[in-house]
Amino acid sequence: MTTPEKPYIPKPLDVSDIELPERLKPLIEIMARNVHETWAQGRLNDGWVLGTQRSDTLKQHPCLIPYDDLPESEKDYDRHTAIGTLKTILKLGWKIEENETL
């Protein structure tokens, strides 16, 4: 159990040695868009609405907009999550293959 005397220390996998193959790079934007859509759907389900600035009290957030309308800094946050996920999959020894039937 985490306590003030024994704080939680995150230990993510080190994926700094993983280089994403060029063929996976288009997947980053698709995944980043889905990360945003999943986050936004969760917020909306919890009663959040669009607001000019974030307010946890009022459940308002300025990023409850389509991915294409986000500022690049917000898109980069989602891309970072997508890249980290892809690198983790590869680090764990899994392979990512394109399904040509989709």
PDB file of N, CA and C in Angstrom:
ATOM      1  N   MET A   1       0.841  -1.178   0.000  1.00  0.00           N
ATOM      2  CA  MET A   1       0.000   0.000   0.000  1.00  0.00           C
ATOM      3  C   MET A   1       0.884   1.240   0.000  1.00  0.00           C
ATOM      4  N   THR A   2       0.468   2.249  -0.765  1.00  0.00           N
ATOM      5  CA  THR A   2       1.200   3.502  -0.834  1.00  0.00           C
ATOM      6  C   THR A   2       0.840   4.378   0.353  1.00  0.00           C
ATOM      7  N   THR A   3       1.866   4.900   0.996  1.00  0.00           N
ATOM      8  CA  THR A   3       1.692   5.803   2.131  1.00  0.00           C
ATOM      9  C   THR A   3       2.687   6.949   1.978  1.00  0.00           C
ATOM     10  N   PRO A   4       2.558   8.009   2.779  1.00  0.00           N
ATOM     11  CA  PRO A   4       3.564   9.085   2.715  1.00  0.00           C
ATOM     12  C   PRO A   4       4.976   8.561   2.999  1.00  0.00           C
ATOM     13  N   GLU A   5       5.070   7.531   3.840  1.00  0.00           N
ATOM     14  CA  GLU A   5       6.382   6.976   4.154  1.00  0.00           C
ATOM     15  C   GLU A   5       6.891   6.077   3.028  1.00  0.00           C
ATOM     16  N   LYS A   6       5.967   5.511   2.274  1.00  0.00           N
ATOM     17  CA  LYS A   6       6.319   4.631   1.166  1.00  0.00           C
ATOM     18  C   LYS A   6       5.567   5.104  -0.080  1.00  0.00           C
ATOM     19  N   PRO A   7       6.088   6.159  -0.732  1.00  0.00           N
ATOM     20  CA  PRO A   7       5.370   6.730  -1.880  1.00  0.00           C
ATOM     21  C   PRO A   7       5.410   5.813  -3.103  1.00  0.00           C
ATOM     22  N   TYR A   8       4.410   5.992  -3.932  1.00  0.00           N
ATOM     23  CA  TYR A   8       4.342   5.280  -5.212  1.00  0.00           C
ATOM     24  C   TYR A   8       5.427   5.810  -6.137  1.00  0.00           C
ATOM     25  N   ILE A   9       6.199   4.915  -6.725  1.00  0.00           N
ATOM     26  CA  ILE A   9       7.236   5.297  -7.677  1.00  0.00           C
ATOM     27  C   ILE A   9       6.936   4.586  -8.999  1.00  0.00           C
ATOM     28  N   PRO A  10       6.460   5.323 -10.008  1.00  0.00           N
ATOM     29  CA  PRO A  10       6.150   4.700 -11.297  1.00  0.00           C
ATOM     30  C   PRO A  10       7.389   4.068 -11.927  1.00  0.00           C
ATOM     31  N   LYS A  11       7.188   2.938 -12.592  1.00  0.00           N
ATOM     32  CA  LYS A  11       8.281   2.232 -13.247  1.00  0.00           C
ATOM     33  C   LYS A  11       7.845   1.779 -14.638  1.00  0.00           C
ATOM     34  N   PRO A  12       7.655   2.740 -15.554  1.00  0.00           N
ATOM     35  CA  PRO A  12       7.259   2.343 -16.907  1.00  0.00           C
ATOM     36  C   PRO A  12       8.398   1.592 -17.600  1.00  0.00           C
ATOM     37  N   LEU A  13       8.026   0.758 -18.565  1.00  0.00           N
ATOM     38  CA  LEU A  13       9.044   0.084 -19.360  1.00  0.00           C
ATOM     39  C   LEU A  13       9.882   1.126 -20.082  1.00  0.00           C
ATOM     40  N   ASP A  14      11.179   0.880 -20.156  1.00  0.00           N
ATOM     41  CA  ASP A  14      12.059   1.762 -20.920  1.00  0.00           C
ATOM     42  C   ASP A  14      11.957   1.370 -22.388  1.00  0.00           C
ATOM     43  N   VAL A  15      11.331   2.217 -23.169  1.00  0.00           N
ATOM     44  CA  VAL A  15      11.167   1.929 -24.594  1.00  0.00           C
ATOM     45  C   VAL A  15      12.053   2.837 -25.455  1.00  0.00           C
ATOM     46  N   SER A  16      13.039   3.483 -24.820  1.00  0.00           N
ATOM     47  CA  SER A  16      13.893   4.424 -25.545  1.00  0.00           C
ATOM     48  C   SER A  16      14.736   3.738 -26.617  1.00  0.00           C
ATOM     49  N   ASP A  17      14.901   2.435 -26.500  1.00  0.00           N
ATOM     50  CA  ASP A  17      15.684   1.695 -27.481  1.00  0.00           C
ATOM     51  C   ASP A  17      14.844   1.184 -28.652  1.00  0.00           C
ATOM     52  N   ILE A  18      13.540   1.447 -28.615  1.00  0.00           N
ATOM     53  CA  ILE A  18      12.647   0.958 -29.666  1.00  0.00           C
ATOM     54  C   ILE A  18      12.448   2.031 -30.720  1.00  0.00           C
ATOM     55  N   GLU A  19      12.751   1.705 -31.950  1.00  0.00           N
ATOM     56  CA  GLU A  19      12.518   2.590 -33.095  1.00  0.00           C
ATOM     57  C   GLU A  19      11.320   2.032 -33.849  1.00  0.00           C
ATOM     58  N   LEU A  20      10.327   2.864 -34.060  1.00  0.00           N
ATOM     59  CA  LEU A  20       9.157   2.397 -34.797  1.00  0.00           C
ATOM     60  C   LEU A  20       9.497   2.233 -36.272  1.00  0.00           C
ATOM     61  N   PRO A  21       9.159   1.077 -36.838  1.00  0.00           N
ATOM     62  CA  PRO A  21       9.384   0.899 -38.277  1.00  0.00           C
ATOM     63  C   PRO A  21       8.572   1.928 -39.066  1.00  0.00           C
ATOM     64  N   GLU A  22       9.102   2.346 -40.185  1.00  0.00           N
ATOM     65  CA  GLU A  22       8.451   3.353 -41.023  1.00  0.00           C
ATOM     66  C   GLU A  22       7.023   2.954 -41.384  1.00  0.00           C
ATOM     67  N   ARG A  23       6.778   1.675 -41.574  1.00  0.00           N
ATOM     68  CA  ARG A  23       5.450   1.205 -41.976  1.00  0.00           C
ATOM     69  C   ARG A  23       4.397   1.437 -40.894  1.00  0.00           C
ATOM     70  N   LEU A  24       4.831   1.634 -39.628  1.00  0.00           N
ATOM     71  CA  LEU A  24       3.885   1.873 -38.538  1.00  0.00           C
ATOM     72  C   LEU A  24       3.582   3.354 -38.319  1.00  0.00           C
ATOM     73  N   LYS A  25       4.349   4.221 -38.930  1.00  0.00           N
ATOM     74  CA  LYS A  25       4.188   5.657 -38.671  1.00  0.00           C
ATOM     75  C   LYS A  25       2.788   6.179 -39.013  1.00  0.00           C
ATOM     76  N   PRO A  26       2.131   5.714 -40.098  1.00  0.00           N
ATOM     77  CA  PRO A  26       0.762   6.190 -40.349  1.00  0.00           C
ATOM     78  C   PRO A  26      -0.211   5.779 -39.240  1.00  0.00           C
ATOM     79  N   LEU A  27       0.101   4.712 -38.544  1.00  0.00           N
ATOM     80  CA  LEU A  27      -0.755   4.225 -37.465  1.00  0.00           C
ATOM     81  C   LEU A  27      -0.774   5.186 -36.274  1.00  0.00           C
ATOM     82  N   ILE A  28       0.286   5.959 -36.107  1.00  0.00           N
ATOM     83  CA  ILE A  28       0.381   6.898 -34.977  1.00  0.00           C
ATOM     84  C   ILE A  28      -0.790   7.877 -34.985  1.00  0.00           C
ATOM     85  N   GLU A  29      -1.059   8.475 -36.137  1.00  0.00           N
ATOM     86  CA  GLU A  29      -2.120   9.484 -36.208  1.00  0.00           C
ATOM     87  C   GLU A  29      -3.499   8.845 -36.012  1.00  0.00           C
ATOM     88  N   ILE A  30      -3.682   7.654 -36.551  1.00  0.00           N
ATOM     89  CA  ILE A  30      -4.957   6.942 -36.370  1.00  0.00           C
ATOM     90  C   ILE A  30      -5.174   6.646 -34.889  1.00  0.00           C
ATOM     91  N   MET A  31      -4.128   6.167 -34.222  1.00  0.00           N
ATOM     92  CA  MET A  31      -4.240   5.854 -32.798  1.00  0.00           C
ATOM     93  C   MET A  31      -4.411   7.119 -31.964  1.00  0.00           C
ATOM     94  N   ALA A  32      -3.692   8.187 -32.318  1.00  0.00           N
ATOM     95  CA  ALA A  32      -3.805   9.446 -31.572  1.00  0.00           C
ATOM     96  C   ALA A  32      -5.234   9.973 -31.648  1.00  0.00           C
ATOM     97  N   ARG A  33      -5.818   9.900 -32.829  1.00  0.00           N
ATOM     98  CA  ARG A  33      -7.204  10.341 -33.000  1.00  0.00           C
ATOM     99  C   ARG A  33      -8.123   9.508 -32.107  1.00  0.00           C
ATOM    100  N   ASN A  34      -7.895   8.199 -32.057  1.00  0.00           N
ATOM    101  CA  ASN A  34      -8.738   7.329 -31.237  1.00  0.00           C
ATOM    102  C   ASN A  34      -8.520   7.572 -29.743  1.00  0.00           C
ATOM    103  N   VAL A  35      -7.295   7.872 -29.353  1.00  0.00           N
ATOM    104  CA  VAL A  35      -7.022   8.220 -27.952  1.00  0.00           C
ATOM    105  C   VAL A  35      -7.883   9.421 -27.562  1.00  0.00           C
ATOM    106  N   HIS A  36      -7.904  10.431 -28.423  1.00  0.00           N
ATOM    107  CA  HIS A  36      -8.713  11.624 -28.130  1.00  0.00           C
ATOM    108  C   HIS A  36     -10.196  11.280 -28.085  1.00  0.00           C
ATOM    109  N   GLU A  37     -10.664  10.508 -29.062  1.00  0.00           N
ATOM    110  CA  GLU A  37     -12.080  10.140 -29.113  1.00  0.00           C
ATOM    111  C   GLU A  37     -12.495   9.360 -27.863  1.00  0.00           C
ATOM    112  N   THR A  38     -11.639   8.447 -27.425  1.00  0.00           N
ATOM    113  CA  THR A  38     -11.923   7.660 -26.221  1.00  0.00           C
ATOM    114  C   THR A  38     -11.964   8.552 -24.988  1.00  0.00           C
ATOM    115  N   TRP A  39     -10.972   9.443 -24.876  1.00  0.00           N
ATOM    116  CA  TRP A  39     -10.934  10.373 -23.746  1.00  0.00           C
ATOM    117  C   TRP A  39     -12.195  11.249 -23.745  1.00  0.00           C
ATOM    118  N   ALA A  40     -12.533  11.831 -24.913  1.00  0.00           N
ATOM    119  CA  ALA A  40     -13.675  12.734 -25.008  1.00  0.00           C
ATOM    120  C   ALA A  40     -14.978  12.001 -24.680  1.00  0.00           C
ATOM    121  N   GLN A  41     -15.130  10.780 -25.181  1.00  0.00           N
ATOM    122  CA  GLN A  41     -16.350  10.027 -24.899  1.00  0.00           C
ATOM    123  C   GLN A  41     -16.477   9.758 -23.404  1.00  0.00           C
ATOM    124  N   GLY A  42     -15.374   9.435 -22.761  1.00  0.00           N
ATOM    125  CA  GLY A  42     -15.393   9.218 -21.310  1.00  0.00           C
ATOM    126  C   GLY A  42     -15.797  10.468 -20.555  1.00  0.00           C
ATOM    127  N   ARG A  43     -15.242  11.599 -20.961  1.00  0.00           N
ATOM    128  CA  ARG A  43     -15.603  12.866 -20.311  1.00  0.00           C
ATOM    129  C   ARG A  43     -17.083  13.172 -20.499  1.00  0.00           C
ATOM    130  N   LEU A  44     -17.561  13.055 -21.736  1.00  0.00           N
ATOM    131  CA  LEU A  44     -18.966  13.343 -22.014  1.00  0.00           C
ATOM    132  C   LEU A  44     -19.875  12.402 -21.231  1.00  0.00           C
ATOM    133  N   ASN A  45     -19.504  11.148 -21.139  1.00  0.00           N
ATOM    134  CA  ASN A  45     -20.282  10.179 -20.360  1.00  0.00           C
ATOM    135  C   ASN A  45     -20.337  10.551 -18.885  1.00  0.00           C
ATOM    136  N   ASP A  46     -19.288  11.234 -18.416  1.00  0.00           N
ATOM    137  CA  ASP A  46     -19.226  11.662 -17.015  1.00  0.00           C
ATOM    138  C   ASP A  46     -19.859  13.037 -16.784  1.00  0.00           C
ATOM    139  N   GLY A  47     -20.491  13.588 -17.834  1.00  0.00           N
ATOM    140  CA  GLY A  47     -21.203  14.852 -17.675  1.00  0.00           C
ATOM    141  C   GLY A  47     -20.405  16.102 -17.994  1.00  0.00           C
ATOM    142  N   TRP A  48     -19.201  15.944 -18.552  1.00  0.00           N
ATOM    143  CA  TRP A  48     -18.405  17.111 -18.913  1.00  0.00           C
ATOM    144  C   TRP A  48     -18.975  17.758 -20.170  1.00  0.00           C
ATOM    145  N   VAL A  49     -18.724  19.068 -20.313  1.00  0.00           N
ATOM    146  CA  VAL A  49     -19.155  19.825 -21.480  1.00  0.00           C
ATOM    147  C   VAL A  49     -18.005  20.710 -21.959  1.00  0.00           C
ATOM    148  N   LEU A  50     -18.164  21.218 -23.163  1.00  0.00           N
ATOM    149  CA  LEU A  50     -17.181  22.143 -23.709  1.00  0.00           C
ATOM    150  C   LEU A  50     -17.177  23.432 -22.891  1.00  0.00           C
ATOM    151  N   GLY A  51     -15.998  23.915 -22.591  1.00  0.00           N
ATOM    152  CA  GLY A  51     -15.843  25.185 -21.880  1.00  0.00           C
ATOM    153  C   GLY A  51     -14.632  25.916 -22.414  1.00  0.00           C
ATOM    154  N   THR A  52     -14.557  27.199 -22.183  1.00  0.00           N
ATOM    155  CA  THR A  52     -13.426  27.983 -22.686  1.00  0.00           C
ATOM    156  C   THR A  52     -12.135  27.667 -21.951  1.00  0.00           C
ATOM    157  N   GLN A  53     -12.250  27.179 -20.715  1.00  0.00           N
ATOM    158  CA  GLN A  53     -11.078  26.720 -19.968  1.00  0.00           C
ATOM    159  C   GLN A  53     -11.487  25.549 -19.089  1.00  0.00           C
ATOM    160  N   ARG A  54     -10.507  24.767 -18.694  1.00  0.00           N
ATOM    161  CA  ARG A  54     -10.808  23.590 -17.885  1.00  0.00           C
ATOM    162  C   ARG A  54     -11.290  23.998 -16.497  1.00  0.00           C
ATOM    163  N   SER A  55     -12.376  23.366 -16.085  1.00  0.00           N
ATOM    164  CA  SER A  55     -12.891  23.556 -14.729  1.00  0.00           C
ATOM    165  C   SER A  55     -13.379  22.202 -14.233  1.00  0.00           C
ATOM    166  N   ASP A  56     -12.639  21.618 -13.286  1.00  0.00           N
ATOM    167  CA  ASP A  56     -13.055  20.341 -12.718  1.00  0.00           C
ATOM    168  C   ASP A  56     -14.359  20.489 -11.943  1.00  0.00           C
ATOM    169  N   THR A  57     -14.557  21.636 -11.323  1.00  0.00           N
ATOM    170  CA  THR A  57     -15.778  21.888 -10.556  1.00  0.00           C
ATOM    171  C   THR A  57     -17.002  21.936 -11.461  1.00  0.00           C
ATOM    172  N   LEU A  58     -16.890  22.649 -12.580  1.00  0.00           N
ATOM    173  CA  LEU A  58     -18.009  22.797 -13.510  1.00  0.00           C
ATOM    174  C   LEU A  58     -18.040  21.693 -14.573  1.00  0.00           C
ATOM    175  N   LYS A  59     -17.024  20.833 -14.558  1.00  0.00           N
ATOM    176  CA  LYS A  59     -16.885  19.771 -15.563  1.00  0.00           C
ATOM    177  C   LYS A  59     -16.906  20.357 -16.980  1.00  0.00           C
ATOM    178  N   GLN A  60     -16.021  21.332 -17.176  1.00  0.00           N
ATOM    179  CA  GLN A  60     -15.868  21.962 -18.488  1.00  0.00           C
ATOM    180  C   GLN A  60     -14.439  21.770 -18.972  1.00  0.00           C
ATOM    181  N   HIS A  61     -14.301  21.553 -20.278  1.00  0.00           N
ATOM    182  CA  HIS A  61     -12.961  21.357 -20.844  1.00  0.00           C
ATOM    183  C   HIS A  61     -12.925  21.902 -22.272  1.00  0.00           C
ATOM    184  N   PRO A  62     -11.889  22.678 -22.610  1.00  0.00           N
ATOM    185  CA  PRO A  62     -11.811  23.264 -23.948  1.00  0.00           C
ATOM    186  C   PRO A  62     -11.450  22.260 -25.053  1.00  0.00           C
ATOM    187  N   CYS A  63     -11.034  21.068 -24.682  1.00  0.00           N
ATOM    188  CA  CYS A  63     -10.635  20.080 -25.690  1.00  0.00           C
ATOM    189  C   CYS A  63     -11.740  19.088 -26.040  1.00  0.00           C
ATOM    190  N   LEU A  64     -12.951  19.366 -25.623  1.00  0.00           N
ATOM    191  CA  LEU A  64     -14.076  18.514 -26.020  1.00  0.00           C
ATOM    192  C   LEU A  64     -14.567  18.960 -27.393  1.00  0.00           C
ATOM    193  N   ILE A  65     -13.656  18.820 -28.343  1.00  0.00           N
ATOM    194  CA  ILE A  65     -13.879  19.205 -29.740  1.00  0.00           C
ATOM    195  C   ILE A  65     -13.293  18.101 -30.617  1.00  0.00           C
ATOM    196  N   PRO A  66     -13.632  18.081 -31.912  1.00  0.00           N
ATOM    197  CA  PRO A  66     -13.051  17.065 -32.794  1.00  0.00           C
ATOM    198  C   PRO A  66     -11.519  17.147 -32.825  1.00  0.00           C
ATOM    199  N   TYR A  67     -10.897  16.008 -33.008  1.00  0.00           N
ATOM    200  CA  TYR A  67      -9.428  15.907 -33.049  1.00  0.00           C
ATOM    201  C   TYR A  67      -8.835  16.907 -34.034  1.00  0.00           C
ATOM    202  N   ASP A  68      -9.430  17.017 -35.211  1.00  0.00           N
ATOM    203  CA  ASP A  68      -8.884  17.917 -36.239  1.00  0.00           C
ATOM    204  C   ASP A  68      -8.876  19.372 -35.796  1.00  0.00           C
ATOM    205  N   ASP A  69      -9.719  19.734 -34.840  1.00  0.00           N
ATOM    206  CA  ASP A  69      -9.795  21.120 -34.364  1.00  0.00           C
ATOM    207  C   ASP A  69      -8.891  21.398 -33.162  1.00  0.00           C
ATOM    208  N   LEU A  70      -8.243  20.371 -32.651  1.00  0.00           N
ATOM    209  CA  LEU A  70      -7.351  20.555 -31.497  1.00  0.00           C
ATOM    210  C   LEU A  70      -6.105  21.333 -31.885  1.00  0.00           C
ATOM    211  N   PRO A  71      -5.536  22.086 -30.944  1.00  0.00           N
ATOM    212  CA  PRO A  71      -4.225  22.691 -31.194  1.00  0.00           C
ATOM    213  C   PRO A  71      -3.178  21.580 -31.319  1.00  0.00           C
ATOM    214  N   GLU A  72      -2.120  21.844 -32.051  1.00  0.00           N
ATOM    215  CA  GLU A  72      -1.068  20.839 -32.253  1.00  0.00           C
ATOM    216  C   GLU A  72      -0.502  20.326 -30.931  1.00  0.00           C
ATOM    217  N   SER A  73      -0.430  21.180 -29.923  1.00  0.00           N
ATOM    218  CA  SER A  73       0.115  20.735 -28.626  1.00  0.00           C
ATOM    219  C   SER A  73      -0.738  19.628 -28.025  1.00  0.00           C
ATOM    220  N   GLU A  74      -2.045  19.697 -28.202  1.00  0.00           N
ATOM    221  CA  GLU A  74      -2.940  18.653 -27.692  1.00  0.00           C
ATOM    222  C   GLU A  74      -2.845  17.393 -28.548  1.00  0.00           C
ATOM    223  N   LYS A  75      -2.740  17.573 -29.860  1.00  0.00           N
ATOM    224  CA  LYS A  75      -2.558  16.420 -30.743  1.00  0.00           C
ATOM    225  C   LYS A  75      -1.247  15.703 -30.397  1.00  0.00           C
ATOM    226  N   ASP A  76      -0.211  16.477 -30.099  1.00  0.00           N
ATOM    227  CA  ASP A  76       1.085  15.881 -29.740  1.00  0.00           C
ATOM    228  C   ASP A  76       0.974  15.044 -28.469  1.00  0.00           C
ATOM    229  N   TYR A  77       0.164  15.482 -27.527  1.00  0.00           N
ATOM    230  CA  TYR A  77      -0.055  14.710 -26.301  1.00  0.00           C
ATOM    231  C   TYR A  77      -0.651  13.342 -26.646  1.00  0.00           C
ATOM    232  N   ASP A  78      -1.641  13.330 -27.536  1.00  0.00           N
ATOM    233  CA  ASP A  78      -2.255  12.070 -27.955  1.00  0.00           C
ATOM    234  C   ASP A  78      -1.296  11.227 -28.785  1.00  0.00           C
ATOM    235  N   ARG A  79      -0.494  11.877 -29.626  1.00  0.00           N
ATOM    236  CA  ARG A  79       0.512  11.145 -30.417  1.00  0.00           C
ATOM    237  C   ARG A  79       1.532  10.480 -29.503  1.00  0.00           C
ATOM    238  N   HIS A  80       1.922  11.183 -28.464  1.00  0.00           N
ATOM    239  CA  HIS A  80       2.885  10.630 -27.507  1.00  0.00           C
ATOM    240  C   HIS A  80       2.334   9.342 -26.879  1.00  0.00           C
ATOM    241  N   THR A  81       1.060   9.352 -26.535  1.00  0.00           N
ATOM    242  CA  THR A  81       0.425   8.159 -25.978  1.00  0.00           C
ATOM    243  C   THR A  81       0.430   7.030 -27.007  1.00  0.00           C
ATOM    244  N   ALA A  82       0.095   7.346 -28.253  1.00  0.00           N
ATOM    245  CA  ALA A  82       0.070   6.334 -29.313  1.00  0.00           C
ATOM    246  C   ALA A  82       1.462   5.748 -29.542  1.00  0.00           C
ATOM    247  N   ILE A  83       2.461   6.611 -29.614  1.00  0.00           N
ATOM    248  CA  ILE A  83       3.833   6.149 -29.835  1.00  0.00           C
ATOM    249  C   ILE A  83       4.281   5.264 -28.679  1.00  0.00           C
ATOM    250  N   GLY A  84       4.001   5.683 -27.458  1.00  0.00           N
ATOM    251  CA  GLY A  84       4.377   4.885 -26.292  1.00  0.00           C
ATOM    252  C   GLY A  84       3.711   3.524 -26.292  1.00  0.00           C
ATOM    253  N   THR A  85       2.460   3.476 -26.711  1.00  0.00           N
ATOM    254  CA  THR A  85       1.737   2.209 -26.772  1.00  0.00           C
ATOM    255  C   THR A  85       2.343   1.289 -27.822  1.00  0.00           C
ATOM    256  N   LEU A  86       2.599   1.816 -29.007  1.00  0.00           N
ATOM    257  CA  LEU A  86       3.204   1.006 -30.068  1.00  0.00           C
ATOM    258  C   LEU A  86       4.586   0.494 -29.660  1.00  0.00           C
ATOM    259  N   LYS A  87       5.386   1.362 -29.059  1.00  0.00           N
ATOM    260  CA  LYS A  87       6.722   0.949 -28.623  1.00  0.00           C
ATOM    261  C   LYS A  87       6.647  -0.110 -27.530  1.00  0.00           C
ATOM    262  N   THR A  88       5.687   0.007 -26.632  1.00  0.00           N
ATOM    263  CA  THR A  88       5.521  -0.986 -25.574  1.00  0.00           C
ATOM    264  C   THR A  88       5.167  -2.344 -26.166  1.00  0.00           C
ATOM    265  N   ILE A  89       4.267  -2.357 -27.133  1.00  0.00           N
ATOM    266  CA  ILE A  89       3.887  -3.612 -27.790  1.00  0.00           C
ATOM    267  C   ILE A  89       5.123  -4.283 -28.388  1.00  0.00           C
ATOM    268  N   LEU A  90       5.944  -3.498 -29.099  1.00  0.00           N
ATOM    269  CA  LEU A  90       7.145  -4.046 -29.714  1.00  0.00           C
ATOM    270  C   LEU A  90       8.172  -4.475 -28.666  1.00  0.00           C
ATOM    271  N   LYS A  91       8.329  -3.682 -27.614  1.00  0.00           N
ATOM    272  CA  LYS A  91       9.284  -4.005 -26.543  1.00  0.00           C
ATOM    273  C   LYS A  91       8.944  -5.350 -25.896  1.00  0.00           C
ATOM    274  N   LEU A  92       7.657  -5.641 -25.789  1.00  0.00           N
ATOM    275  CA  LEU A  92       7.219  -6.885 -25.162  1.00  0.00           C
ATOM    276  C   LEU A  92       7.295  -8.085 -26.107  1.00  0.00           C
ATOM    277  N   GLY A  93       7.794  -7.846 -27.321  1.00  0.00           N
ATOM    278  CA  GLY A  93       8.012  -8.947 -28.242  1.00  0.00           C
ATOM    279  C   GLY A  93       6.854  -9.262 -29.178  1.00  0.00           C
ATOM    280  N   TRP A  94       5.827  -8.454 -29.150  1.00  0.00           N
ATOM    281  CA  TRP A  94       4.689  -8.668 -30.036  1.00  0.00           C
ATOM    282  C   TRP A  94       4.996  -8.076 -31.407  1.00  0.00           C
ATOM    283  N   LYS A  95       4.307  -8.589 -32.408  1.00  0.00           N
ATOM    284  CA  LYS A  95       4.438  -8.073 -33.767  1.00  0.00           C
ATOM    285  C   LYS A  95       3.135  -7.386 -34.159  1.00  0.00           C
ATOM    286  N   ILE A  96       3.262  -6.335 -34.931  1.00  0.00           N
ATOM    287  CA  ILE A  96       2.108  -5.614 -35.430  1.00  0.00           C
ATOM    288  C   ILE A  96       2.084  -5.818 -36.943  1.00  0.00           C
ATOM    289  N   GLU A  97       0.995  -6.405 -37.415  1.00  0.00           N
ATOM    290  CA  GLU A  97       0.862  -6.673 -38.840  1.00  0.00           C
ATOM    291  C   GLU A  97      -0.395  -6.005 -39.382  1.00  0.00           C
ATOM    292  N   GLU A  98      -0.315  -5.548 -40.615  1.00  0.00           N
ATOM    293  CA  GLU A  98      -1.468  -4.931 -41.249  1.00  0.00           C
ATOM    294  C   GLU A  98      -2.434  -6.029 -41.708  1.00  0.00           C
ATOM    295  N   ASN A  99      -3.712  -5.792 -41.451  1.00  0.00           N
ATOM    296  CA  ASN A  99      -4.744  -6.709 -41.905  1.00  0.00           C
ATOM    297  C   ASN A  99      -5.256  -6.159 -43.220  1.00  0.00           C
ATOM    298  N   GLU A 100      -4.951  -6.826 -44.305  1.00  0.00           N
ATOM    299  CA  GLU A 100      -5.278  -6.303 -45.636  1.00  0.00           C
ATOM    300  C   GLU A 100      -6.759  -6.389 -45.946  1.00  0.00           C
ATOM    301  N   THR A 101      -7.554  -7.049 -45.101  1.00  0.00           N
ATOM    302  CA  THR A 101      -8.972  -7.147 -45.384  1.00  0.00           C
ATOM    303  C   THR A 101      -9.759  -5.960 -44.854  1.00  0.00           C
ATOM    304  N   LEU A 102      -9.126  -5.098 -44.068  1.00  0.00           N
ATOM    305  CA  LEU A 102      -9.841  -3.936 -43.529  1.00  0.00           C
ATOM    306  C   LEU A 102      -9.855  -2.796 -44.520  1.00  0.00           C
TER     307      LEU A 102
END
